[in-house]
Amino acid sequence: MTPLVYVLPGYESLGAALLKDLGADRGDISVRRFPDGESYIRLLTAPKGRAVIFVCGLDRPNDKSIELYFAACAAHELGAASIGVVAPYLAYMRQDARFNEGEAITSVYFAKWVSQFADWLVTVDPHLHRHSSLDGIYSIPSVVVSSTAAISHWIRTQVSNPLIVGPDAESAQWVEQIAARVGCPVVVLHKERLGDHEVRVSLPDIRPWRECTPVLVDDIVSTARTMLAAIAQLRAASMQQPPVCIGVHALFSADAHAALLNAGIGRIVTCNTVKHPSNAIDVFPDIANAVRSILQTIGTAAGSSNGHGTENS
C-alpha cells in the first residue's frame, strides 16, 4: 500500500520532497498549542491499515518530540500498520555517558522512548561518539544517511584548491572520507573542551598548504566555539585564503552564526537538516533514498522485528 506521510510543522520542504520521490500520499495533520502551552494533535487523514511516516525536526527537541509522540500514539491507536520517523537531526545524542555523578544518560533514555512508539527511524549523521552505532541504543531498524557525498560535491563545485580541516580526532575518519571524495589534502585539529562554551584547539603544521582554501567541516554547529577557535588558529598560521565553514546540523545557539560571520571567514554553509538561512547543501534526495530502502526492507512488518541500522553514503 502507498505510504501515508504526515509532516509536522517546520519540515514542509522535506515532506514535499519525500511525497514526490516516494509517490506517497499526504496525510493532513493539525498541530497547535493551547494557551497554557500544551499541544493539540489531530490526524485529519485516517491512518488505518497504512504504513505511516512522520517527518519531523528534533532540533530544540522538547516540544517537538512530545508532539511526535502524541501523533505516533494516535496513529497506532487508529490502526496504522507501521510507524516510521524521518528526523534529519536526531536529538539527545551528545550525553552518551555519565561524566559526573548523578547525570542522566539522555541518549539512552531518549532512544528507549522513541523505540517504544516508532517502528523504524531514518536520520542524518547522528552524533555517534561512545555509541558505535544507533543499534547500540535503538531497538528498532534505523538507517543513517551520510552527508559526506553531498558535502563533497559542494566542495568540488564551490571551493578552489581546498584543504579539509577536521575539528577534532572524532572527526578524522569522516573528514578523511570527504577529502578522498574531493581529492584534496586533509588535516585534523586537536581539541580540548574546557566547558559548554569554551574549547582549546591546536593546529598541526600546515605550511605546505598555506595557499589552499581551508574548509572547516563539523557535524553540529551550536555555540560555534570549536569553529571559532579553529579559525583563530588558521589566521595565526597566515593562510592566504579565508576559511570556508561547513556544518551538517545548523543549531546555532544565541549569537553563534553572527560570531562566525564576524570572524573573517569566506563563507559558512550547512546541510538542510535543520532549517536555517545558511542551508546550501541538499541532503533531501539521500533521505528519500534511505526511506525507500527501509520501506522495501521491512515493509509494514517493521513493528514485529528488530532490525539492524545501516548507513547510506
Protein backbone atom coordinates (compact mmCIF):
# COMPACT_ATOMS: atom_id res chain seq x y z
CA MET A 1 0.00 0.00 0.00
CA THR A 2 1.17 3.55 -0.71
CA PRO A 3 2.82 5.14 2.37
CA LEU A 4 0.99 7.94 4.18
CA VAL A 5 3.22 10.89 5.10
CA TYR A 6 2.36 13.32 7.89
CA VAL A 7 4.58 16.40 8.04
CA LEU A 8 4.97 18.16 11.38
CA PRO A 9 5.40 21.97 11.35
CA GLY A 10 8.68 23.33 10.02
CA TYR A 11 9.57 20.44 7.71
CA GLU A 12 7.23 21.10 4.82
CA SER A 13 10.10 21.21 2.27
CA LEU A 14 11.41 17.78 3.23
CA GLY A 15 7.85 16.46 3.34
CA ALA A 16 7.19 17.71 -0.18
CA ALA A 17 10.43 16.11 -1.42
CA LEU A 18 9.50 12.75 0.13
CA LEU A 19 5.97 12.86 -1.23
CA LYS A 20 7.32 13.46 -4.73
CA ASP A 21 10.20 10.98 -4.61
CA LEU A 22 8.24 8.18 -2.95
CA GLY A 23 4.93 8.74 -4.72
CA ALA A 24 3.39 8.76 -1.23
CA ASP A 25 0.06 10.15 -0.06
CA ARG A 26 -0.06 13.28 2.07
CA GLY A 27 -1.64 12.87 5.47
CA ASP A 28 -3.28 16.01 6.81
CA ILE A 29 -2.44 16.76 10.44
CA SER A 30 -3.42 19.59 12.77
CA VAL A 31 -0.82 20.70 15.35
CA ARG A 32 -1.41 23.67 17.61
CA ARG A 33 -0.85 24.88 21.14
CA PHE A 34 -3.40 25.65 23.82
CA PRO A 35 -2.97 28.96 25.69
CA ASP A 36 -1.23 27.10 28.54
CA GLY A 37 1.36 25.67 26.13
CA GLU A 38 0.01 22.13 25.89
CA SER A 39 -0.04 20.58 22.43
CA TYR A 40 -3.13 19.60 20.43
CA ILE A 41 -2.71 16.90 17.77
CA ARG A 42 -5.33 15.66 15.30
CA LEU A 43 -4.79 13.26 12.40
CA LEU A 44 -7.21 14.55 9.77
CA THR A 45 -6.39 11.72 7.34
CA ALA A 46 -7.25 8.26 8.65
CA PRO A 47 -4.11 6.12 9.14
CA LYS A 48 -5.90 2.76 9.48
CA GLY A 49 -4.04 -0.01 7.68
CA ARG A 50 -1.41 2.38 6.28
CA ALA A 51 2.38 2.46 6.52
CA VAL A 52 2.66 5.85 8.21
CA ILE A 53 5.68 8.14 8.03
CA PHE A 54 6.11 11.14 10.31
CA VAL A 55 8.51 13.81 9.04
CA CYS A 56 9.73 16.00 11.87
CA GLY A 57 12.61 18.05 13.16
CA LEU A 58 14.10 17.26 16.55
CA ASP A 59 16.27 20.32 16.96
CA ARG A 60 15.08 22.25 20.04
CA PRO A 61 13.51 18.89 20.81
CA ASN A 62 11.42 19.10 23.94
CA ASP A 63 8.17 20.41 22.43
CA LYS A 64 8.73 18.73 19.05
CA SER A 65 9.40 15.29 20.49
CA ILE A 66 6.26 15.26 22.64
CA GLU A 67 4.17 16.27 19.62
CA LEU A 68 5.74 13.46 17.60
CA TYR A 69 4.95 11.05 20.43
CA PHE A 70 1.30 12.12 20.62
CA ALA A 71 0.92 11.87 16.83
CA ALA A 72 2.51 8.40 16.69
CA CYS A 73 0.39 7.14 19.59
CA ALA A 74 -2.75 8.40 17.86
CA ALA A 75 -1.75 6.68 14.62
CA HIS A 76 -1.15 3.37 16.43
CA GLU A 77 -4.46 3.64 18.26
CA LEU A 78 -6.26 4.43 15.00
CA GLY A 79 -4.92 1.32 13.28
CA ALA A 80 -1.74 2.29 11.42
CA ALA A 81 0.08 -0.76 10.10
CA SER A 82 3.51 0.69 10.94
CA ILE A 83 5.05 3.96 12.13
CA GLY A 84 8.24 5.38 10.65
CA VAL A 85 10.05 8.52 11.78
CA VAL A 86 12.16 10.68 9.48
CA ALA A 87 14.14 13.06 11.69
CA PRO A 88 17.08 14.64 9.83
CA TYR A 89 18.58 15.81 13.13
CA LEU A 90 18.41 13.30 15.98
CA ALA A 91 18.33 14.95 19.38
CA TYR A 92 19.84 13.85 22.69
CA MET A 93 22.85 12.05 21.22
CA ARG A 94 25.63 14.04 22.90
CA GLN A 95 25.07 12.97 26.53
CA ASP A 96 26.31 9.43 25.87
CA ALA A 97 27.98 8.74 29.23
CA ARG A 98 27.78 9.75 32.89
CA PHE A 99 30.61 12.26 33.16
CA ASN A 100 29.61 13.42 36.66
CA GLU A 101 27.85 11.52 39.43
CA GLY A 102 24.08 11.64 39.13
CA GLU A 103 23.90 12.70 35.46
CA ALA A 104 21.16 11.31 33.22
CA ILE A 105 22.49 9.45 30.14
CA THR A 106 19.85 11.05 27.94
CA SER A 107 20.94 9.48 24.64
CA VAL A 108 19.99 6.05 26.02
CA TYR A 109 16.73 7.17 27.61
CA PHE A 110 15.58 9.07 24.53
CA ALA A 111 16.39 6.08 22.30
CA LYS A 112 14.37 3.71 24.51
CA TRP A 113 11.42 6.11 24.42
CA VAL A 114 11.41 6.58 20.63
CA SER A 115 11.81 2.82 20.16
CA GLN A 116 8.57 2.31 22.09
CA PHE A 117 6.36 4.32 19.72
CA ALA A 118 8.15 4.07 16.35
CA ASP A 119 8.84 1.02 14.19
CA TRP A 120 11.77 2.46 12.25
CA LEU A 121 13.93 5.57 12.03
CA VAL A 122 15.83 7.49 9.34
CA THR A 123 18.22 10.26 10.35
CA VAL A 124 21.30 12.10 9.08
CA ASP A 125 24.75 11.87 10.71
CA PRO A 126 23.76 11.41 14.35
CA HIS A 127 26.44 12.42 16.84
CA LEU A 128 27.92 8.98 17.45
CA HIS A 129 30.88 9.05 19.79
CA ARG A 130 30.80 6.50 22.59
CA HIS A 131 27.91 4.71 20.88
CA SER A 132 29.40 2.91 17.89
CA SER A 133 26.03 2.84 16.07
CA LEU A 134 22.36 3.55 16.64
CA ASP A 135 21.84 -0.19 17.11
CA GLY A 136 23.53 0.12 20.48
CA ILE A 137 20.71 2.21 21.90
CA TYR A 138 17.75 2.00 19.48
CA SER A 139 15.90 -1.32 19.33
CA ILE A 140 14.16 -0.51 16.02
CA PRO A 141 15.53 -0.67 12.46
CA SER A 142 17.37 2.51 11.54
CA VAL A 143 19.11 3.98 8.54
CA VAL A 144 21.81 6.60 8.99
CA VAL A 145 22.15 8.88 5.98
CA SER A 146 25.68 10.15 5.47
CA SER A 147 26.12 13.74 4.30
CA THR A 148 29.64 13.12 3.00
CA ALA A 149 28.62 12.72 -0.65
CA ALA A 150 26.56 15.93 -0.67
CA ILE A 151 29.24 17.91 1.18
CA SER A 152 31.99 16.58 -1.08
CA HIS A 153 30.02 17.56 -4.20
CA TRP A 154 29.51 21.08 -2.84
CA ILE A 155 33.21 21.49 -2.08
CA ARG A 156 34.26 20.21 -5.51
CA THR A 157 31.98 22.68 -7.28
CA GLN A 158 32.27 25.70 -4.98
CA VAL A 159 35.77 25.81 -3.46
CA SER A 160 39.04 26.32 -5.30
CA ASN A 161 42.11 24.40 -4.07
CA PRO A 162 40.55 23.16 -0.80
CA LEU A 163 42.26 21.86 2.33
CA ILE A 164 39.79 19.93 4.50
CA VAL A 165 40.18 20.69 8.21
CA GLY A 166 38.66 18.38 10.83
CA PRO A 167 37.83 19.97 14.20
CA ASP A 168 38.97 17.06 16.40
CA ALA A 169 40.11 13.45 16.47
CA GLU A 170 36.50 12.22 16.47
CA SER A 171 36.03 13.75 13.02
CA ALA A 172 39.13 12.18 11.46
CA GLN A 173 37.52 9.24 9.65
CA TRP A 174 34.64 11.41 8.47
CA VAL A 175 36.71 14.31 7.07
CA GLU A 176 39.18 11.88 5.53
CA GLN A 177 36.28 10.36 3.55
CA ILE A 178 35.30 13.83 2.34
CA ALA A 179 38.88 14.68 1.36
CA ALA A 180 39.18 11.38 -0.52
CA ARG A 181 35.99 12.12 -2.47
CA VAL A 182 37.13 15.67 -3.27
CA GLY A 183 40.72 14.62 -3.99
CA CYS A 184 42.42 17.13 -1.71
CA PRO A 185 44.61 17.16 1.43
CA VAL A 186 43.22 16.96 4.97
CA VAL A 187 44.42 17.92 8.45
CA VAL A 188 42.81 17.25 11.82
CA LEU A 189 43.00 19.56 14.83
CA HIS A 190 43.47 18.50 18.43
CA LYS A 191 40.62 19.78 20.60
CA GLU A 192 40.31 20.09 24.35
CA ARG A 193 36.83 21.00 25.65
CA LEU A 194 37.02 23.22 28.74
CA GLY A 195 33.24 23.66 29.19
CA ASP A 196 29.97 24.11 27.30
CA HIS A 197 31.17 27.41 25.83
CA GLU A 198 34.97 27.10 25.78
CA VAL A 199 37.37 24.92 23.80
CA ARG A 200 41.08 24.92 23.07
CA VAL A 201 42.39 23.67 19.71
CA SER A 202 45.84 23.21 18.28
CA LEU A 203 46.72 23.02 14.60
CA PRO A 204 49.32 20.70 13.04
CA ASP A 205 51.93 22.10 10.69
CA ILE A 206 50.03 23.33 7.62
CA ARG A 207 52.80 25.31 5.93
CA PRO A 208 52.76 23.01 2.85
CA TRP A 209 49.13 24.01 2.22
CA ARG A 210 49.25 27.71 3.04
CA GLU A 211 47.94 28.60 -0.44
CA CYS A 212 44.91 26.32 -0.10
CA THR A 213 41.43 27.40 0.94
CA PRO A 214 40.85 25.85 4.39
CA VAL A 215 37.44 24.16 4.65
CA LEU A 216 36.36 23.52 8.24
CA VAL A 217 33.81 20.70 8.45
CA ASP A 218 31.88 19.78 11.60
CA ASP A 219 28.72 17.76 12.21
CA ILE A 220 26.99 20.09 14.69
CA VAL A 221 27.40 23.87 14.85
CA SER A 222 25.82 25.01 18.09
CA THR A 223 27.85 27.52 20.09
CA ALA A 224 30.43 27.54 17.21
CA ARG A 225 33.25 27.73 19.78
CA THR A 226 35.15 24.92 18.08
CA MET A 227 34.99 26.59 14.68
CA LEU A 228 35.89 29.99 16.13
CA ALA A 229 38.94 28.55 17.89
CA ALA A 230 39.97 26.78 14.67
CA ILE A 231 39.53 29.98 12.65
CA ALA A 232 41.82 31.82 15.07
CA GLN A 233 44.47 29.13 14.62
CA LEU A 234 44.19 29.30 10.83
CA ARG A 235 44.54 33.08 10.88
CA ALA A 236 47.63 32.74 13.08
CA ALA A 237 49.07 30.28 10.55
CA SER A 238 48.82 33.00 7.85
CA MET A 239 46.65 31.03 5.44
CA GLN A 240 46.32 33.04 2.24
CA GLN A 241 42.59 32.36 1.80
CA PRO A 242 39.84 32.93 4.37
CA PRO A 243 38.33 29.69 5.68
CA VAL A 244 35.04 28.24 4.50
CA CYS A 245 32.95 26.70 7.29
CA ILE A 246 30.62 23.75 6.68
CA GLY A 247 28.25 22.28 9.25
CA VAL A 248 25.82 19.41 8.86
CA HIS A 249 23.31 20.44 11.53
CA ALA A 250 22.74 24.22 11.86
CA LEU A 251 21.72 24.52 15.51
CA PHE A 252 23.38 27.95 16.02
CA SER A 253 22.65 28.93 19.60
CA ALA A 254 22.50 32.61 20.61
CA ASP A 255 24.92 34.72 18.52
CA ALA A 256 26.95 31.81 17.10
CA HIS A 257 26.12 32.47 13.43
CA ALA A 258 26.89 36.20 13.73
CA ALA A 259 30.15 35.43 15.56
CA LEU A 260 31.29 33.22 12.69
CA LEU A 261 30.40 35.83 10.07
CA ASN A 262 32.41 38.40 12.05
CA ALA A 263 35.44 36.12 12.41
CA GLY A 264 36.82 36.78 8.95
CA ILE A 265 35.56 33.68 7.19
CA GLY A 266 34.88 33.40 3.49
CA ARG A 267 31.51 31.68 3.84
CA ILE A 268 29.50 29.41 6.09
CA VAL A 269 27.12 26.81 4.68
CA THR A 270 25.13 23.96 6.20
CA CYS A 271 23.09 20.97 5.12
CA ASN A 272 19.31 21.35 5.12
CA THR A 273 18.74 19.00 8.07
CA VAL A 274 17.82 21.97 10.29
CA LYS A 275 16.16 24.93 8.58
CA HIS A 276 18.48 27.96 8.56
CA PRO A 277 19.48 30.74 6.10
CA SER A 278 22.90 29.09 5.75
CA ASN A 279 21.42 25.92 4.19
CA ALA A 280 23.13 25.33 0.85
CA ILE A 281 23.81 21.58 0.76
CA ASP A 282 20.83 19.43 -0.14
CA VAL A 283 20.57 16.01 1.54
CA PHE A 284 16.85 15.52 0.81
CA PRO A 285 17.45 13.13 -2.14
CA ASP A 286 19.66 10.95 0.09
CA ILE A 287 16.98 10.92 2.80
CA ALA A 288 14.37 9.88 0.24
CA ASN A 289 16.60 7.02 -0.93
CA ALA A 290 17.05 5.87 2.67
CA VAL A 291 13.30 5.91 3.32
CA ARG A 292 12.65 3.97 0.12
CA SER A 293 15.28 1.43 1.17
CA ILE A 294 13.88 0.84 4.63
CA LEU A 295 10.32 0.58 3.33
CA GLN A 296 11.45 -2.07 0.86
CA THR A 297 13.37 -3.92 3.55
CA ILE A 298 10.81 -4.05 6.33
CA GLY A 299 7.51 -3.12 4.66
CA THR A 300 4.59 -2.95 7.05
CA ALA A 301 6.00 -5.71 9.25
CA ALA A 302 8.53 -3.38 10.88
CA GLY A 303 6.69 -3.36 14.16
CA SER A 304 7.28 -7.08 14.71
CA SER A 305 11.01 -7.15 14.02
CA ASN A 306 14.19 -5.75 15.50
CA GLY A 307 16.46 -4.73 12.65
CA HIS A 308 20.00 -3.51 12.39
CA GLY A 309 20.91 0.03 11.45
CA THR A 310 22.63 0.62 8.15
CA GLU A 311 24.30 3.61 6.57
CA ASN A 312 23.66 5.30 3.24
CA SER A 313 26.68 7.12 1.89
